[in-house]
């Protein structure tokens, strides 16, 4: 389930939501249910908010998956369906909520043409992978287990979309690896997003707070301690954020803020590409491929000279005292 944001300056620590009539009805019904049966109330809300919707494939995607080399990785006892195309170094793609790995198919050919292999997978509870439910921590663990499985295979970069971008940030934070990453429409302030989403749909605070605690107990993680907007500011990896100004699923403001605070983070701002369509447009694909190529050039150069990889602040001195921000105006809302 998704919720729309308006990208005005939103107070991220004290969310105020104007509920619709439907939301007020839901709030009243769930409040009554909560007094009658807390387990049943949490079960219904979990079904709505932690069970991903089914991805609708586009023409040609099934054939592309058939042509790829499948393999299986296990995460938290669940089988993750993965696919490989080409040879390394690999670019690993991590999709977002209610998506699939094949969702990045428009990026595959430019990546392959640049000399990299492609690895994509379905997250827990998504596509062909096992699992009835999914959440941020399960996605983060899934990427970690995939990267462990890949072992000594060279990974050129990680590419994440939406919640998958949050999982990429979490993996880099936990592993301490300095791998370049492209974060497309990243879900950064996840704590605020969860609160906003629950309240906009009329979920009473005692209900969603209890459910969040339950998820944290099940996974052994805490949202407040692993909020991507905080974790990203501890990373030394070179990062490229591509985010649409009018993204109505994930707010743009946190992407802007972190790009101004960290010299290793570059932001490309688009306009008119939305949250999903951005994955298929050259305005996002071209800079992503160029970014990965430039990072690999640095790896090769650093190996030749013996210098450390991806030093912070080693980007070209552009504007904002070394921080880079690019605006791409696209007036296409189809």
C-alpha atoms as a PDB file:
ATOM      1  CA  UNK A   1       0.000   0.000   0.000  1.00  0.00           C
ATOM      2  CA  UNK A   2       1.314   3.424  -0.879  1.00  0.00           C
ATOM      3  CA  UNK A   3       0.446   6.940   0.139  1.00  0.00           C
ATOM      4  CA  UNK A   4       0.813  10.194  -1.730  1.00  0.00           C
ATOM      5  CA  UNK A   5       3.080  12.974  -0.552  1.00  0.00           C
ATOM      6  CA  UNK A   6       3.102  16.614  -1.527  1.00  0.00           C
ATOM      7  CA  UNK A   7       6.713  17.755  -1.587  1.00  0.00           C
ATOM      8  CA  UNK A   8       6.427  20.885   0.440  1.00  0.00           C
ATOM      9  CA  UNK A   9       8.627  21.423   3.457  1.00  0.00           C
ATOM     10  CA  UNK A  10       7.168  18.776   5.752  1.00  0.00           C
ATOM     11  CA  UNK A  11       8.009  18.527   9.443  1.00  0.00           C
ATOM     12  CA  UNK A  12       9.587  15.082   9.635  1.00  0.00           C
ATOM     13  CA  UNK A  13       9.446  14.782  13.417  1.00  0.00           C
ATOM     14  CA  UNK A  14       5.846  15.679  14.079  1.00  0.00           C
ATOM     15  CA  UNK A  15       3.523  14.413  11.379  1.00  0.00           C
ATOM     16  CA  UNK A  16       0.097  15.967  10.985  1.00  0.00           C
ATOM     17  CA  UNK A  17      -2.303  14.239   8.600  1.00  0.00           C
ATOM     18  CA  UNK A  18      -5.661  15.544   7.434  1.00  0.00           C
ATOM     19  CA  UNK A  19      -7.719  12.361   7.322  1.00  0.00           C
ATOM     20  CA  UNK A  20     -10.406  11.841   4.703  1.00  0.00           C
ATOM     21  CA  UNK A  21     -13.903  10.702   5.569  1.00  0.00           C
ATOM     22  CA  UNK A  22     -12.932   7.118   4.644  1.00  0.00           C
ATOM     23  CA  UNK A  23      -9.890   7.304   6.903  1.00  0.00           C
ATOM     24  CA  UNK A  24     -11.998   8.550   9.784  1.00  0.00           C
ATOM     25  CA  UNK A  25     -14.364   5.613   9.315  1.00  0.00           C
ATOM     26  CA  UNK A  26     -11.416   3.195   9.265  1.00  0.00           C
ATOM     27  CA  UNK A  27     -10.050   4.857  12.388  1.00  0.00           C
ATOM     28  CA  UNK A  28     -13.348   4.435  14.220  1.00  0.00           C
ATOM     29  CA  UNK A  29     -13.778   0.789  13.171  1.00  0.00           C
ATOM     30  CA  UNK A  30     -10.212  -0.213  14.071  1.00  0.00           C
ATOM     31  CA  UNK A  31     -10.451   1.599  17.401  1.00  0.00           C
ATOM     32  CA  UNK A  32     -13.461  -0.531  18.292  1.00  0.00           C
ATOM     33  CA  UNK A  33     -11.788  -3.701  17.006  1.00  0.00           C
ATOM     34  CA  UNK A  34      -8.683  -2.904  19.059  1.00  0.00           C
ATOM     35  CA  UNK A  35     -10.742  -3.039  22.259  1.00  0.00           C
ATOM     36  CA  UNK A  36     -12.275  -6.369  21.229  1.00  0.00           C
ATOM     37  CA  UNK A  37      -9.300  -8.244  19.732  1.00  0.00           C
ATOM     38  CA  UNK A  38      -5.825  -6.775  19.470  1.00  0.00           C
ATOM     39  CA  UNK A  39      -4.366  -9.812  17.600  1.00  0.00           C
ATOM     40  CA  UNK A  40      -7.125  -9.703  14.963  1.00  0.00           C
ATOM     41  CA  UNK A  41      -6.704  -5.952  14.491  1.00  0.00           C
ATOM     42  CA  UNK A  42      -2.937  -6.284  14.009  1.00  0.00           C
ATOM     43  CA  UNK A  43      -3.457  -9.202  11.617  1.00  0.00           C
ATOM     44  CA  UNK A  44      -5.740  -7.129   9.398  1.00  0.00           C
ATOM     45  CA  UNK A  45      -3.391  -4.135   9.388  1.00  0.00           C
ATOM     46  CA  UNK A  46      -0.413  -6.408   8.662  1.00  0.00           C
ATOM     47  CA  UNK A  47      -2.282  -7.847   5.686  1.00  0.00           C
ATOM     48  CA  UNK A  48      -2.840  -4.341   4.353  1.00  0.00           C
ATOM     49  CA  UNK A  49       0.582  -2.817   4.970  1.00  0.00           C
ATOM     50  CA  UNK A  50       3.133  -5.642   5.060  1.00  0.00           C
ATOM     51  CA  UNK A  51       1.838  -7.947   2.333  1.00  0.00           C
ATOM     52  CA  UNK A  52       3.114  -6.691  -1.049  1.00  0.00           C
ATOM     53  CA  UNK A  53       0.749  -6.347  -3.966  1.00  0.00           C
ATOM     54  CA  UNK A  54       1.295  -8.401  -7.096  1.00  0.00           C
ATOM     55  CA  UNK A  55       3.598  -6.874  -9.723  1.00  0.00           C
ATOM     56  CA  UNK A  56       2.071  -6.483 -13.179  1.00  0.00           C
ATOM     57  CA  UNK A  57       4.644  -7.542 -15.740  1.00  0.00           C
ATOM     58  CA  UNK A  58       5.156  -5.630 -18.972  1.00  0.00           C
ATOM     59  CA  UNK A  59       5.395  -7.276 -22.411  1.00  0.00           C
ATOM     60  CA  UNK A  60       8.799  -8.862 -22.941  1.00  0.00           C
ATOM     61  CA  UNK A  61       9.756  -9.144 -19.278  1.00  0.00           C
ATOM     62  CA  UNK A  62       8.855 -12.839 -18.988  1.00  0.00           C
ATOM     63  CA  UNK A  63      11.019 -13.675 -22.010  1.00  0.00           C
ATOM     64  CA  UNK A  64      13.897 -11.683 -20.552  1.00  0.00           C
ATOM     65  CA  UNK A  65      13.700 -13.611 -17.290  1.00  0.00           C
ATOM     66  CA  UNK A  66      13.612 -16.917 -19.170  1.00  0.00           C
ATOM     67  CA  UNK A  67      16.774 -15.948 -21.037  1.00  0.00           C
ATOM     68  CA  UNK A  68      18.614 -15.079 -17.798  1.00  0.00           C
ATOM     69  CA  UNK A  69      20.474 -17.649 -15.684  1.00  0.00           C
ATOM     70  CA  UNK A  70      18.454 -18.400 -12.526  1.00  0.00           C
ATOM     71  CA  UNK A  71      19.881 -19.222  -9.120  1.00  0.00           C
ATOM     72  CA  UNK A  72      18.563 -19.385  -5.575  1.00  0.00           C
ATOM     73  CA  UNK A  73      19.778 -17.784  -2.352  1.00  0.00           C
ATOM     74  CA  UNK A  74      18.275 -18.377   1.091  1.00  0.00           C
ATOM     75  CA  UNK A  75      17.510 -15.557   3.501  1.00  0.00           C
ATOM     76  CA  UNK A  76      15.832 -16.035   6.874  1.00  0.00           C
ATOM     77  CA  UNK A  77      14.887 -19.551   5.783  1.00  0.00           C
ATOM     78  CA  UNK A  78      13.140 -18.326   2.637  1.00  0.00           C
ATOM     79  CA  UNK A  79      14.197 -18.943  -0.954  1.00  0.00           C
ATOM     80  CA  UNK A  80      15.077 -15.844  -2.965  1.00  0.00           C
ATOM     81  CA  UNK A  81      14.743 -16.214  -6.714  1.00  0.00           C
ATOM     82  CA  UNK A  82      17.698 -14.550  -8.476  1.00  0.00           C
ATOM     83  CA  UNK A  83      18.878 -14.159 -12.067  1.00  0.00           C
ATOM     84  CA  UNK A  84      22.215 -13.423 -13.703  1.00  0.00           C
ATOM     85  CA  UNK A  85      22.977 -12.023 -17.153  1.00  0.00           C
ATOM     86  CA  UNK A  86      26.499 -11.646 -18.525  1.00  0.00           C
ATOM     87  CA  UNK A  87      29.789 -11.814 -16.655  1.00  0.00           C
ATOM     88  CA  UNK A  88      31.251  -9.685 -13.876  1.00  0.00           C
ATOM     89  CA  UNK A  89      31.953  -7.233 -12.571  1.00  0.00           C
ATOM     90  CA  UNK A  90      28.275  -7.213 -11.708  1.00  0.00           C
ATOM     91  CA  UNK A  91      25.707  -4.518 -11.051  1.00  0.00           C
ATOM     92  CA  UNK A  92      23.217  -5.800  -8.470  1.00  0.00           C
ATOM     93  CA  UNK A  93      19.648  -4.441  -8.657  1.00  0.00           C
ATOM     94  CA  UNK A  94      17.343  -4.270  -5.615  1.00  0.00           C
ATOM     95  CA  UNK A  95      13.676  -3.412  -6.275  1.00  0.00           C
ATOM     96  CA  UNK A  96      11.188  -1.648  -4.021  1.00  0.00           C
ATOM     97  CA  UNK A  97       7.822  -2.424  -2.470  1.00  0.00           C
ATOM     98  CA  UNK A  98       5.443  -4.432  -4.696  1.00  0.00           C
ATOM     99  CA  UNK A  99       8.062  -4.532  -7.449  1.00  0.00           C
ATOM    100  CA  UNK A 100      10.285  -7.232  -8.941  1.00  0.00           C
ATOM    101  CA  UNK A 101      13.882  -7.464 -10.026  1.00  0.00           C
ATOM    102  CA  UNK A 102      12.868  -7.463 -13.695  1.00  0.00           C
ATOM    103  CA  UNK A 103      11.402  -3.999 -13.084  1.00  0.00           C
ATOM    104  CA  UNK A 104      14.874  -2.611 -13.922  1.00  0.00           C
ATOM    105  CA  UNK A 105      14.882  -4.226 -17.390  1.00  0.00           C
ATOM    106  CA  UNK A 106      15.265  -0.902 -19.223  1.00  0.00           C
ATOM    107  CA  UNK A 107      18.625  -0.470 -17.512  1.00  0.00           C
ATOM    108  CA  UNK A 108      19.996  -3.901 -18.346  1.00  0.00           C
ATOM    109  CA  UNK A 109      21.094  -3.361 -21.942  1.00  0.00           C
ATOM    110  CA  UNK A 110      23.008  -0.111 -21.268  1.00  0.00           C
ATOM    111  CA  UNK A 111      24.708  -1.814 -18.304  1.00  0.00           C
ATOM    112  CA  UNK A 112      25.605  -4.890 -20.355  1.00  0.00           C
ATOM    113  CA  UNK A 113      26.832  -2.727 -23.246  1.00  0.00           C
ATOM    114  CA  UNK A 114      29.166  -0.971 -20.805  1.00  0.00           C
ATOM    115  CA  UNK A 115      30.879  -4.255 -19.981  1.00  0.00           C
ATOM    116  CA  UNK A 116      29.156  -5.247 -16.750  1.00  0.00           C
ATOM    117  CA  UNK A 117      27.051  -8.233 -15.809  1.00  0.00           C
ATOM    118  CA  UNK A 118      23.588  -7.893 -14.280  1.00  0.00           C
ATOM    119  CA  UNK A 119      22.174  -9.601 -11.191  1.00  0.00           C
ATOM    120  CA  UNK A 120      18.573  -9.035 -10.172  1.00  0.00           C
ATOM    121  CA  UNK A 121      16.292 -10.794  -7.705  1.00  0.00           C
ATOM    122  CA  UNK A 122      12.830 -10.837  -6.176  1.00  0.00           C
ATOM    123  CA  UNK A 123      12.741  -9.690  -2.558  1.00  0.00           C
ATOM    124  CA  UNK A 124      11.009 -11.729   0.181  1.00  0.00           C
ATOM    125  CA  UNK A 125       7.272 -11.904  -0.371  1.00  0.00           C
ATOM    126  CA  UNK A 126       7.658 -10.605  -3.920  1.00  0.00           C
ATOM    127  CA  UNK A 127       7.479 -12.292  -7.329  1.00  0.00           C
ATOM    128  CA  UNK A 128       8.878 -15.828  -7.361  1.00  0.00           C
ATOM    129  CA  UNK A 129      10.562 -15.579  -3.953  1.00  0.00           C
ATOM    130  CA  UNK A 130       9.096 -17.138  -0.832  1.00  0.00           C
ATOM    131  CA  UNK A 131       7.439 -15.269   2.001  1.00  0.00           C
ATOM    132  CA  UNK A 132       3.949 -14.112   2.875  1.00  0.00           C
ATOM    133  CA  UNK A 133       5.076 -10.741   4.231  1.00  0.00           C
ATOM    134  CA  UNK A 134       7.877  -8.256   3.696  1.00  0.00           C
ATOM    135  CA  UNK A 135       9.403  -5.287   5.456  1.00  0.00           C
ATOM    136  CA  UNK A 136      12.477  -3.079   5.384  1.00  0.00           C
ATOM    137  CA  UNK A 137      14.533  -5.418   7.558  1.00  0.00           C
ATOM    138  CA  UNK A 138      13.682  -8.532   5.536  1.00  0.00           C
ATOM    139  CA  UNK A 139      14.701  -6.668   2.373  1.00  0.00           C
ATOM    140  CA  UNK A 140      17.958  -5.547   3.991  1.00  0.00           C
ATOM    141  CA  UNK A 141      18.748  -9.083   5.143  1.00  0.00           C
ATOM    142  CA  UNK A 142      17.948 -10.469   1.693  1.00  0.00           C
ATOM    143  CA  UNK A 143      20.504  -8.204   0.016  1.00  0.00           C
ATOM    144  CA  UNK A 144      23.058  -9.102   2.653  1.00  0.00           C
ATOM    145  CA  UNK A 145      22.591 -12.821   2.073  1.00  0.00           C
ATOM    146  CA  UNK A 146      22.793 -12.365  -1.694  1.00  0.00           C
ATOM    147  CA  UNK A 147      26.042 -10.414  -1.372  1.00  0.00           C
ATOM    148  CA  UNK A 148      27.463 -13.104   0.923  1.00  0.00           C
ATOM    149  CA  UNK A 149      26.474 -15.746  -1.619  1.00  0.00           C
ATOM    150  CA  UNK A 150      28.258 -13.848  -4.381  1.00  0.00           C
ATOM    151  CA  UNK A 151      31.405 -13.991  -2.278  1.00  0.00           C
ATOM    152  CA  UNK A 152      34.462 -13.156  -4.321  1.00  0.00           C
ATOM    153  CA  UNK A 153      32.519 -12.147  -7.422  1.00  0.00           C
ATOM    154  CA  UNK A 154      33.326  -8.533  -8.175  1.00  0.00           C
ATOM    155  CA  UNK A 155      30.382  -6.180  -7.654  1.00  0.00           C
ATOM    156  CA  UNK A 156      30.774  -2.931  -9.573  1.00  0.00           C
ATOM    157  CA  UNK A 157      27.784  -1.189  -8.023  1.00  0.00           C
ATOM    158  CA  UNK A 158      24.438  -1.563  -6.317  1.00  0.00           C
ATOM    159  CA  UNK A 159      21.241  -0.044  -7.714  1.00  0.00           C
ATOM    160  CA  UNK A 160      18.206   0.287  -5.470  1.00  0.00           C
ATOM    161  CA  UNK A 161      14.748   1.720  -5.982  1.00  0.00           C
ATOM    162  CA  UNK A 162      12.456   3.071  -3.251  1.00  0.00           C
ATOM    163  CA  UNK A 163      12.496   0.687  -0.269  1.00  0.00           C
ATOM    164  CA  UNK A 164      15.147  -1.348  -2.103  1.00  0.00           C
ATOM    165  CA  UNK A 165      17.367   1.752  -2.001  1.00  0.00           C
ATOM    166  CA  UNK A 166      16.831   1.842   1.762  1.00  0.00           C
ATOM    167  CA  UNK A 167      17.952  -1.798   1.890  1.00  0.00           C
ATOM    168  CA  UNK A 168      21.084  -0.900  -0.101  1.00  0.00           C
ATOM    169  CA  UNK A 169      21.920   1.821   2.433  1.00  0.00           C
ATOM    170  CA  UNK A 170      21.338  -0.604   5.309  1.00  0.00           C
ATOM    171  CA  UNK A 171      23.590  -3.220   3.696  1.00  0.00           C
ATOM    172  CA  UNK A 172      26.424  -0.744   3.131  1.00  0.00           C
ATOM    173  CA  UNK A 173      26.109   0.423   6.731  1.00  0.00           C
ATOM    174  CA  UNK A 174      26.166  -3.098   8.167  1.00  0.00           C
ATOM    175  CA  UNK A 175      28.883  -4.497   5.904  1.00  0.00           C
ATOM    176  CA  UNK A 176      31.165  -1.417   6.012  1.00  0.00           C
ATOM    177  CA  UNK A 177      31.925  -2.035   2.324  1.00  0.00           C
ATOM    178  CA  UNK A 178      32.582   0.954   0.077  1.00  0.00           C
ATOM    179  CA  UNK A 179      30.603  -0.068  -2.984  1.00  0.00           C
ATOM    180  CA  UNK A 180      29.226   2.666  -5.270  1.00  0.00           C
ATOM    181  CA  UNK A 181      25.447   2.809  -5.308  1.00  0.00           C
ATOM    182  CA  UNK A 182      22.701   4.406  -7.367  1.00  0.00           C
ATOM    183  CA  UNK A 183      19.653   5.205  -5.240  1.00  0.00           C
ATOM    184  CA  UNK A 184      16.540   5.871  -7.301  1.00  0.00           C
ATOM    185  CA  UNK A 185      13.632   7.527  -5.479  1.00  0.00           C
ATOM    186  CA  UNK A 186      15.078   6.271  -2.186  1.00  0.00           C
ATOM    187  CA  UNK A 187      12.862   5.798   0.865  1.00  0.00           C
ATOM    188  CA  UNK A 188      15.169   7.658   3.236  1.00  0.00           C
ATOM    189  CA  UNK A 189      13.140   8.884   6.193  1.00  0.00           C
ATOM    190  CA  UNK A 190      11.407   5.569   6.697  1.00  0.00           C
ATOM    191  CA  UNK A 191      10.245   6.312  10.239  1.00  0.00           C
ATOM    192  CA  UNK A 192       8.415   9.416   9.065  1.00  0.00           C
ATOM    193  CA  UNK A 193       7.060   7.641   5.986  1.00  0.00           C
ATOM    194  CA  UNK A 194       5.605   4.812   8.067  1.00  0.00           C
ATOM    195  CA  UNK A 195       3.954   7.214  10.484  1.00  0.00           C
ATOM    196  CA  UNK A 196       2.559   9.345   7.671  1.00  0.00           C
ATOM    197  CA  UNK A 197       1.234   6.303   5.823  1.00  0.00           C
ATOM    198  CA  UNK A 198      -0.457   4.701   8.813  1.00  0.00           C
ATOM    199  CA  UNK A 199      -2.070   7.951   9.940  1.00  0.00           C
ATOM    200  CA  UNK A 200      -3.209   8.976   6.461  1.00  0.00           C
ATOM    201  CA  UNK A 201      -5.129   5.700   6.182  1.00  0.00           C
ATOM    202  CA  UNK A 202      -6.707   6.135   9.603  1.00  0.00           C
ATOM    203  CA  UNK A 203      -4.761   3.488  11.519  1.00  0.00           C
ATOM    204  CA  UNK A 204      -4.944   4.356  15.237  1.00  0.00           C
ATOM    205  CA  UNK A 205      -1.599   5.091  16.864  1.00  0.00           C
ATOM    206  CA  UNK A 206      -1.787   2.263  19.464  1.00  0.00           C
ATOM    207  CA  UNK A 207      -2.409  -0.221  16.637  1.00  0.00           C
ATOM    208  CA  UNK A 208       0.447   0.753  14.346  1.00  0.00           C
ATOM    209  CA  UNK A 209       2.900   1.300  17.196  1.00  0.00           C
ATOM    210  CA  UNK A 210       2.167  -2.177  18.528  1.00  0.00           C
ATOM    211  CA  UNK A 211       2.548  -3.661  15.041  1.00  0.00           C
ATOM    212  CA  UNK A 212       5.865  -1.870  14.495  1.00  0.00           C
ATOM    213  CA  UNK A 213       7.149  -3.217  17.825  1.00  0.00           C
ATOM    214  CA  UNK A 214       6.049  -6.689  16.757  1.00  0.00           C
ATOM    215  CA  UNK A 215       7.975  -6.422  13.467  1.00  0.00           C
ATOM    216  CA  UNK A 216      11.039  -5.156  15.333  1.00  0.00           C
ATOM    217  CA  UNK A 217      10.877  -8.084  17.781  1.00  0.00           C
ATOM    218  CA  UNK A 218      10.509 -10.580  14.930  1.00  0.00           C
ATOM    219  CA  UNK A 219      13.515  -9.225  13.026  1.00  0.00           C
ATOM    220  CA  UNK A 220      15.744  -8.123  15.903  1.00  0.00           C
ATOM    221  CA  UNK A 221      16.066  -4.626  14.435  1.00  0.00           C
ATOM    222  CA  UNK A 222      14.684  -1.188  15.285  1.00  0.00           C
ATOM    223  CA  UNK A 223      13.412   1.392  12.802  1.00  0.00           C
ATOM    224  CA  UNK A 224      14.690   4.324  14.861  1.00  0.00           C
ATOM    225  CA  UNK A 225      18.199   2.859  14.990  1.00  0.00           C
ATOM    226  CA  UNK A 226      18.347   1.887  11.313  1.00  0.00           C
ATOM    227  CA  UNK A 227      16.493   4.728   9.619  1.00  0.00           C
ATOM    228  CA  UNK A 228      18.106   5.078   6.148  1.00  0.00           C
ATOM    229  CA  UNK A 229      18.185   8.893   6.380  1.00  0.00           C
ATOM    230  CA  UNK A 230      20.534   8.550   9.363  1.00  0.00           C
ATOM    231  CA  UNK A 231      22.549   5.595   8.067  1.00  0.00           C
ATOM    232  CA  UNK A 232      23.333   7.235   4.721  1.00  0.00           C
ATOM    233  CA  UNK A 233      25.175  10.035   6.485  1.00  0.00           C
ATOM    234  CA  UNK A 234      27.662   7.528   7.916  1.00  0.00           C
ATOM    235  CA  UNK A 235      28.606   5.996   4.547  1.00  0.00           C
ATOM    236  CA  UNK A 236      31.810   6.698   2.638  1.00  0.00           C
ATOM    237  CA  UNK A 237      30.687   5.017  -0.600  1.00  0.00           C
ATOM    238  CA  UNK A 238      30.168   7.221  -3.630  1.00  0.00           C
ATOM    239  CA  UNK A 239      26.402   7.577  -3.984  1.00  0.00           C
ATOM    240  CA  UNK A 240      24.193   8.903  -6.761  1.00  0.00           C
ATOM    241  CA  UNK A 241      20.602   9.769  -5.876  1.00  0.00           C
ATOM    242  CA  UNK A 242      18.107  10.166  -8.728  1.00  0.00           C
ATOM    243  CA  UNK A 243      14.768  11.460  -7.494  1.00  0.00           C
ATOM    244  CA  UNK A 244      11.801  13.207  -9.039  1.00  0.00           C
ATOM    245  CA  UNK A 245      10.742  16.481  -7.459  1.00  0.00           C
ATOM    246  CA  UNK A 246       7.060  15.531  -7.726  1.00  0.00           C
ATOM    247  CA  UNK A 247       7.397  11.929  -6.527  1.00  0.00           C
ATOM    248  CA  UNK A 248       4.085  11.258  -4.782  1.00  0.00           C
ATOM    249  CA  UNK A 249       5.080   7.917  -3.221  1.00  0.00           C
ATOM    250  CA  UNK A 250       8.382   8.855  -1.549  1.00  0.00           C
ATOM    251  CA  UNK A 251       9.123  12.492  -0.607  1.00  0.00           C
ATOM    252  CA  UNK A 252      11.954  14.299  -2.399  1.00  0.00           C
ATOM    253  CA  UNK A 253      13.003  16.564   0.486  1.00  0.00           C
ATOM    254  CA  UNK A 254      15.190  14.047   2.383  1.00  0.00           C
ATOM    255  CA  UNK A 255      17.139  13.294  -0.831  1.00  0.00           C
ATOM    256  CA  UNK A 256      17.861  16.986  -1.262  1.00  0.00           C
ATOM    257  CA  UNK A 257      18.869  17.375   2.376  1.00  0.00           C
ATOM    258  CA  UNK A 258      21.399  14.527   2.485  1.00  0.00           C
ATOM    259  CA  UNK A 259      22.929  15.604  -0.842  1.00  0.00           C
ATOM    260  CA  UNK A 260      23.707  18.983   0.723  1.00  0.00           C
ATOM    261  CA  UNK A 261      25.228  17.462   3.844  1.00  0.00           C
ATOM    262  CA  UNK A 262      27.590  14.882   2.364  1.00  0.00           C
ATOM    263  CA  UNK A 263      30.250  15.415  -0.299  1.00  0.00           C
ATOM    264  CA  UNK A 264      30.130  11.791  -1.449  1.00  0.00           C
ATOM    265  CA  UNK A 265      26.444  12.086  -2.402  1.00  0.00           C
ATOM    266  CA  UNK A 266      25.390  13.545  -5.734  1.00  0.00           C
ATOM    267  CA  UNK A 267      21.745  14.309  -6.523  1.00  0.00           C
ATOM    268  CA  UNK A 268      20.062  14.343  -9.913  1.00  0.00           C
ATOM    269  CA  UNK A 269      16.622  15.907  -9.644  1.00  0.00           C
ATOM    270  CA  UNK A 270      14.085  15.116 -12.344  1.00  0.00           C
ATOM    271  CA  UNK A 271      10.642  16.562 -12.837  1.00  0.00           C
ATOM    272  CA  UNK A 272       7.706  14.735 -14.395  1.00  0.00           C
ATOM    273  CA  UNK A 273       8.999  11.153 -14.097  1.00  0.00           C
ATOM    274  CA  UNK A 274       7.153  10.132 -10.949  1.00  0.00           C
ATOM    275  CA  UNK A 275       8.103   7.179  -8.765  1.00  0.00           C
ATOM    276  CA  UNK A 276       7.969   4.195 -11.137  1.00  0.00           C
ATOM    277  CA  UNK A 277       8.310   5.655 -14.628  1.00  0.00           C
ATOM    278  CA  UNK A 278      11.718   7.053 -13.687  1.00  0.00           C
ATOM    279  CA  UNK A 279      13.151   3.514 -13.926  1.00  0.00           C
ATOM    280  CA  UNK A 280      12.518   3.374 -17.664  1.00  0.00           C
ATOM    281  CA  UNK A 281      13.659   6.817 -18.742  1.00  0.00           C
ATOM    282  CA  UNK A 282      17.020   7.764 -20.224  1.00  0.00           C
ATOM    283  CA  UNK A 283      17.124  10.839 -18.009  1.00  0.00           C
ATOM    284  CA  UNK A 284      17.752   8.432 -15.120  1.00  0.00           C
ATOM    285  CA  UNK A 285      19.419   5.503 -16.906  1.00  0.00           C
ATOM    286  CA  UNK A 286      22.174   7.466 -18.680  1.00  0.00           C
ATOM    287  CA  UNK A 287      23.616   9.226 -15.603  1.00  0.00           C
ATOM    288  CA  UNK A 288      23.354   5.983 -13.615  1.00  0.00           C
ATOM    289  CA  UNK A 289      25.436   4.072 -16.160  1.00  0.00           C
ATOM    290  CA  UNK A 290      27.929   6.924 -16.462  1.00  0.00           C
ATOM    291  CA  UNK A 291      28.252   7.107 -12.674  1.00  0.00           C
ATOM    292  CA  UNK A 292      28.974   3.386 -12.387  1.00  0.00           C
ATOM    293  CA  UNK A 293      31.581   3.639 -15.161  1.00  0.00           C
ATOM    294  CA  UNK A 294      33.327   6.572 -13.509  1.00  0.00           C
ATOM    295  CA  UNK A 295      33.454   4.747 -10.177  1.00  0.00           C
ATOM    296  CA  UNK A 296      34.955   1.646 -11.775  1.00  0.00           C
ATOM    297  CA  UNK A 297      37.536   3.830 -13.501  1.00  0.00           C
ATOM    298  CA  UNK A 298      38.526   5.097 -10.066  1.00  0.00           C
ATOM    299  CA  UNK A 299      38.777   1.541  -8.758  1.00  0.00           C
ATOM    300  CA  UNK A 300      41.143   0.591 -11.572  1.00  0.00           C
ATOM    301  CA  UNK A 301      43.148   3.783 -11.143  1.00  0.00           C
ATOM    302  CA  UNK A 302      43.387   3.304  -7.376  1.00  0.00           C
ATOM    303  CA  UNK A 303      44.521  -0.291  -7.781  1.00  0.00           C
ATOM    304  CA  UNK A 304      47.236   0.816 -10.176  1.00  0.00           C
ATOM    305  CA  UNK A 305      48.468   3.600  -7.869  1.00  0.00           C
ATOM    306  CA  UNK A 306      47.910   1.798  -4.578  1.00  0.00           C
ATOM    307  CA  UNK A 307      45.579   4.517  -3.254  1.00  0.00           C
ATOM    308  CA  UNK A 308      42.453   3.818  -1.213  1.00  0.00           C
ATOM    309  CA  UNK A 309      39.187   3.258  -3.078  1.00  0.00           C
ATOM    310  CA  UNK A 310      36.493   5.912  -3.289  1.00  0.00           C
ATOM    311  CA  UNK A 311      37.922   8.535  -0.921  1.00  0.00           C
ATOM    312  CA  UNK A 312      35.301  10.907   0.419  1.00  0.00           C
ATOM    313  CA  UNK A 313      35.361  14.289  -1.275  1.00  0.00           C
ATOM    314  CA  UNK A 314      37.281  13.031  -4.311  1.00  0.00           C
ATOM    315  CA  UNK A 315      34.562  14.175  -6.694  1.00  0.00           C
ATOM    316  CA  UNK A 316      35.068  16.991  -9.141  1.00  0.00           C
ATOM    317  CA  UNK A 317      34.671  20.293  -7.351  1.00  0.00           C
ATOM    318  CA  UNK A 318      31.432  21.521  -8.813  1.00  0.00           C
ATOM    319  CA  UNK A 319      28.978  23.660  -6.918  1.00  0.00           C
ATOM    320  CA  UNK A 320      27.903  23.603  -3.268  1.00  0.00           C
ATOM    321  CA  UNK A 321      31.496  23.296  -2.051  1.00  0.00           C
ATOM    322  CA  UNK A 322      32.083  20.000  -3.789  1.00  0.00           C
ATOM    323  CA  UNK A 323      28.510  18.741  -3.611  1.00  0.00           C
ATOM    324  CA  UNK A 324      26.854  18.152  -6.929  1.00  0.00           C
ATOM    325  CA  UNK A 325      23.234  18.729  -7.846  1.00  0.00           C
ATOM    326  CA  UNK A 326      21.791  18.408 -11.320  1.00  0.00           C
ATOM    327  CA  UNK A 327      18.299  19.386 -12.406  1.00  0.00           C
ATOM    328  CA  UNK A 328      16.659  17.520 -15.267  1.00  0.00           C
ATOM    329  CA  UNK A 329      13.371  19.076 -16.338  1.00  0.00           C
ATOM    330  CA  UNK A 330      11.026  16.583 -18.007  1.00  0.00           C
ATOM    331  CA  UNK A 331       7.541  17.809 -18.734  1.00  0.00           C
ATOM    332  CA  UNK A 332       6.056  14.418 -19.551  1.00  0.00           C
ATOM    333  CA  UNK A 333       3.398  13.114 -17.229  1.00  0.00           C
ATOM    334  CA  UNK A 334       2.169  10.223 -19.326  1.00  0.00           C
END
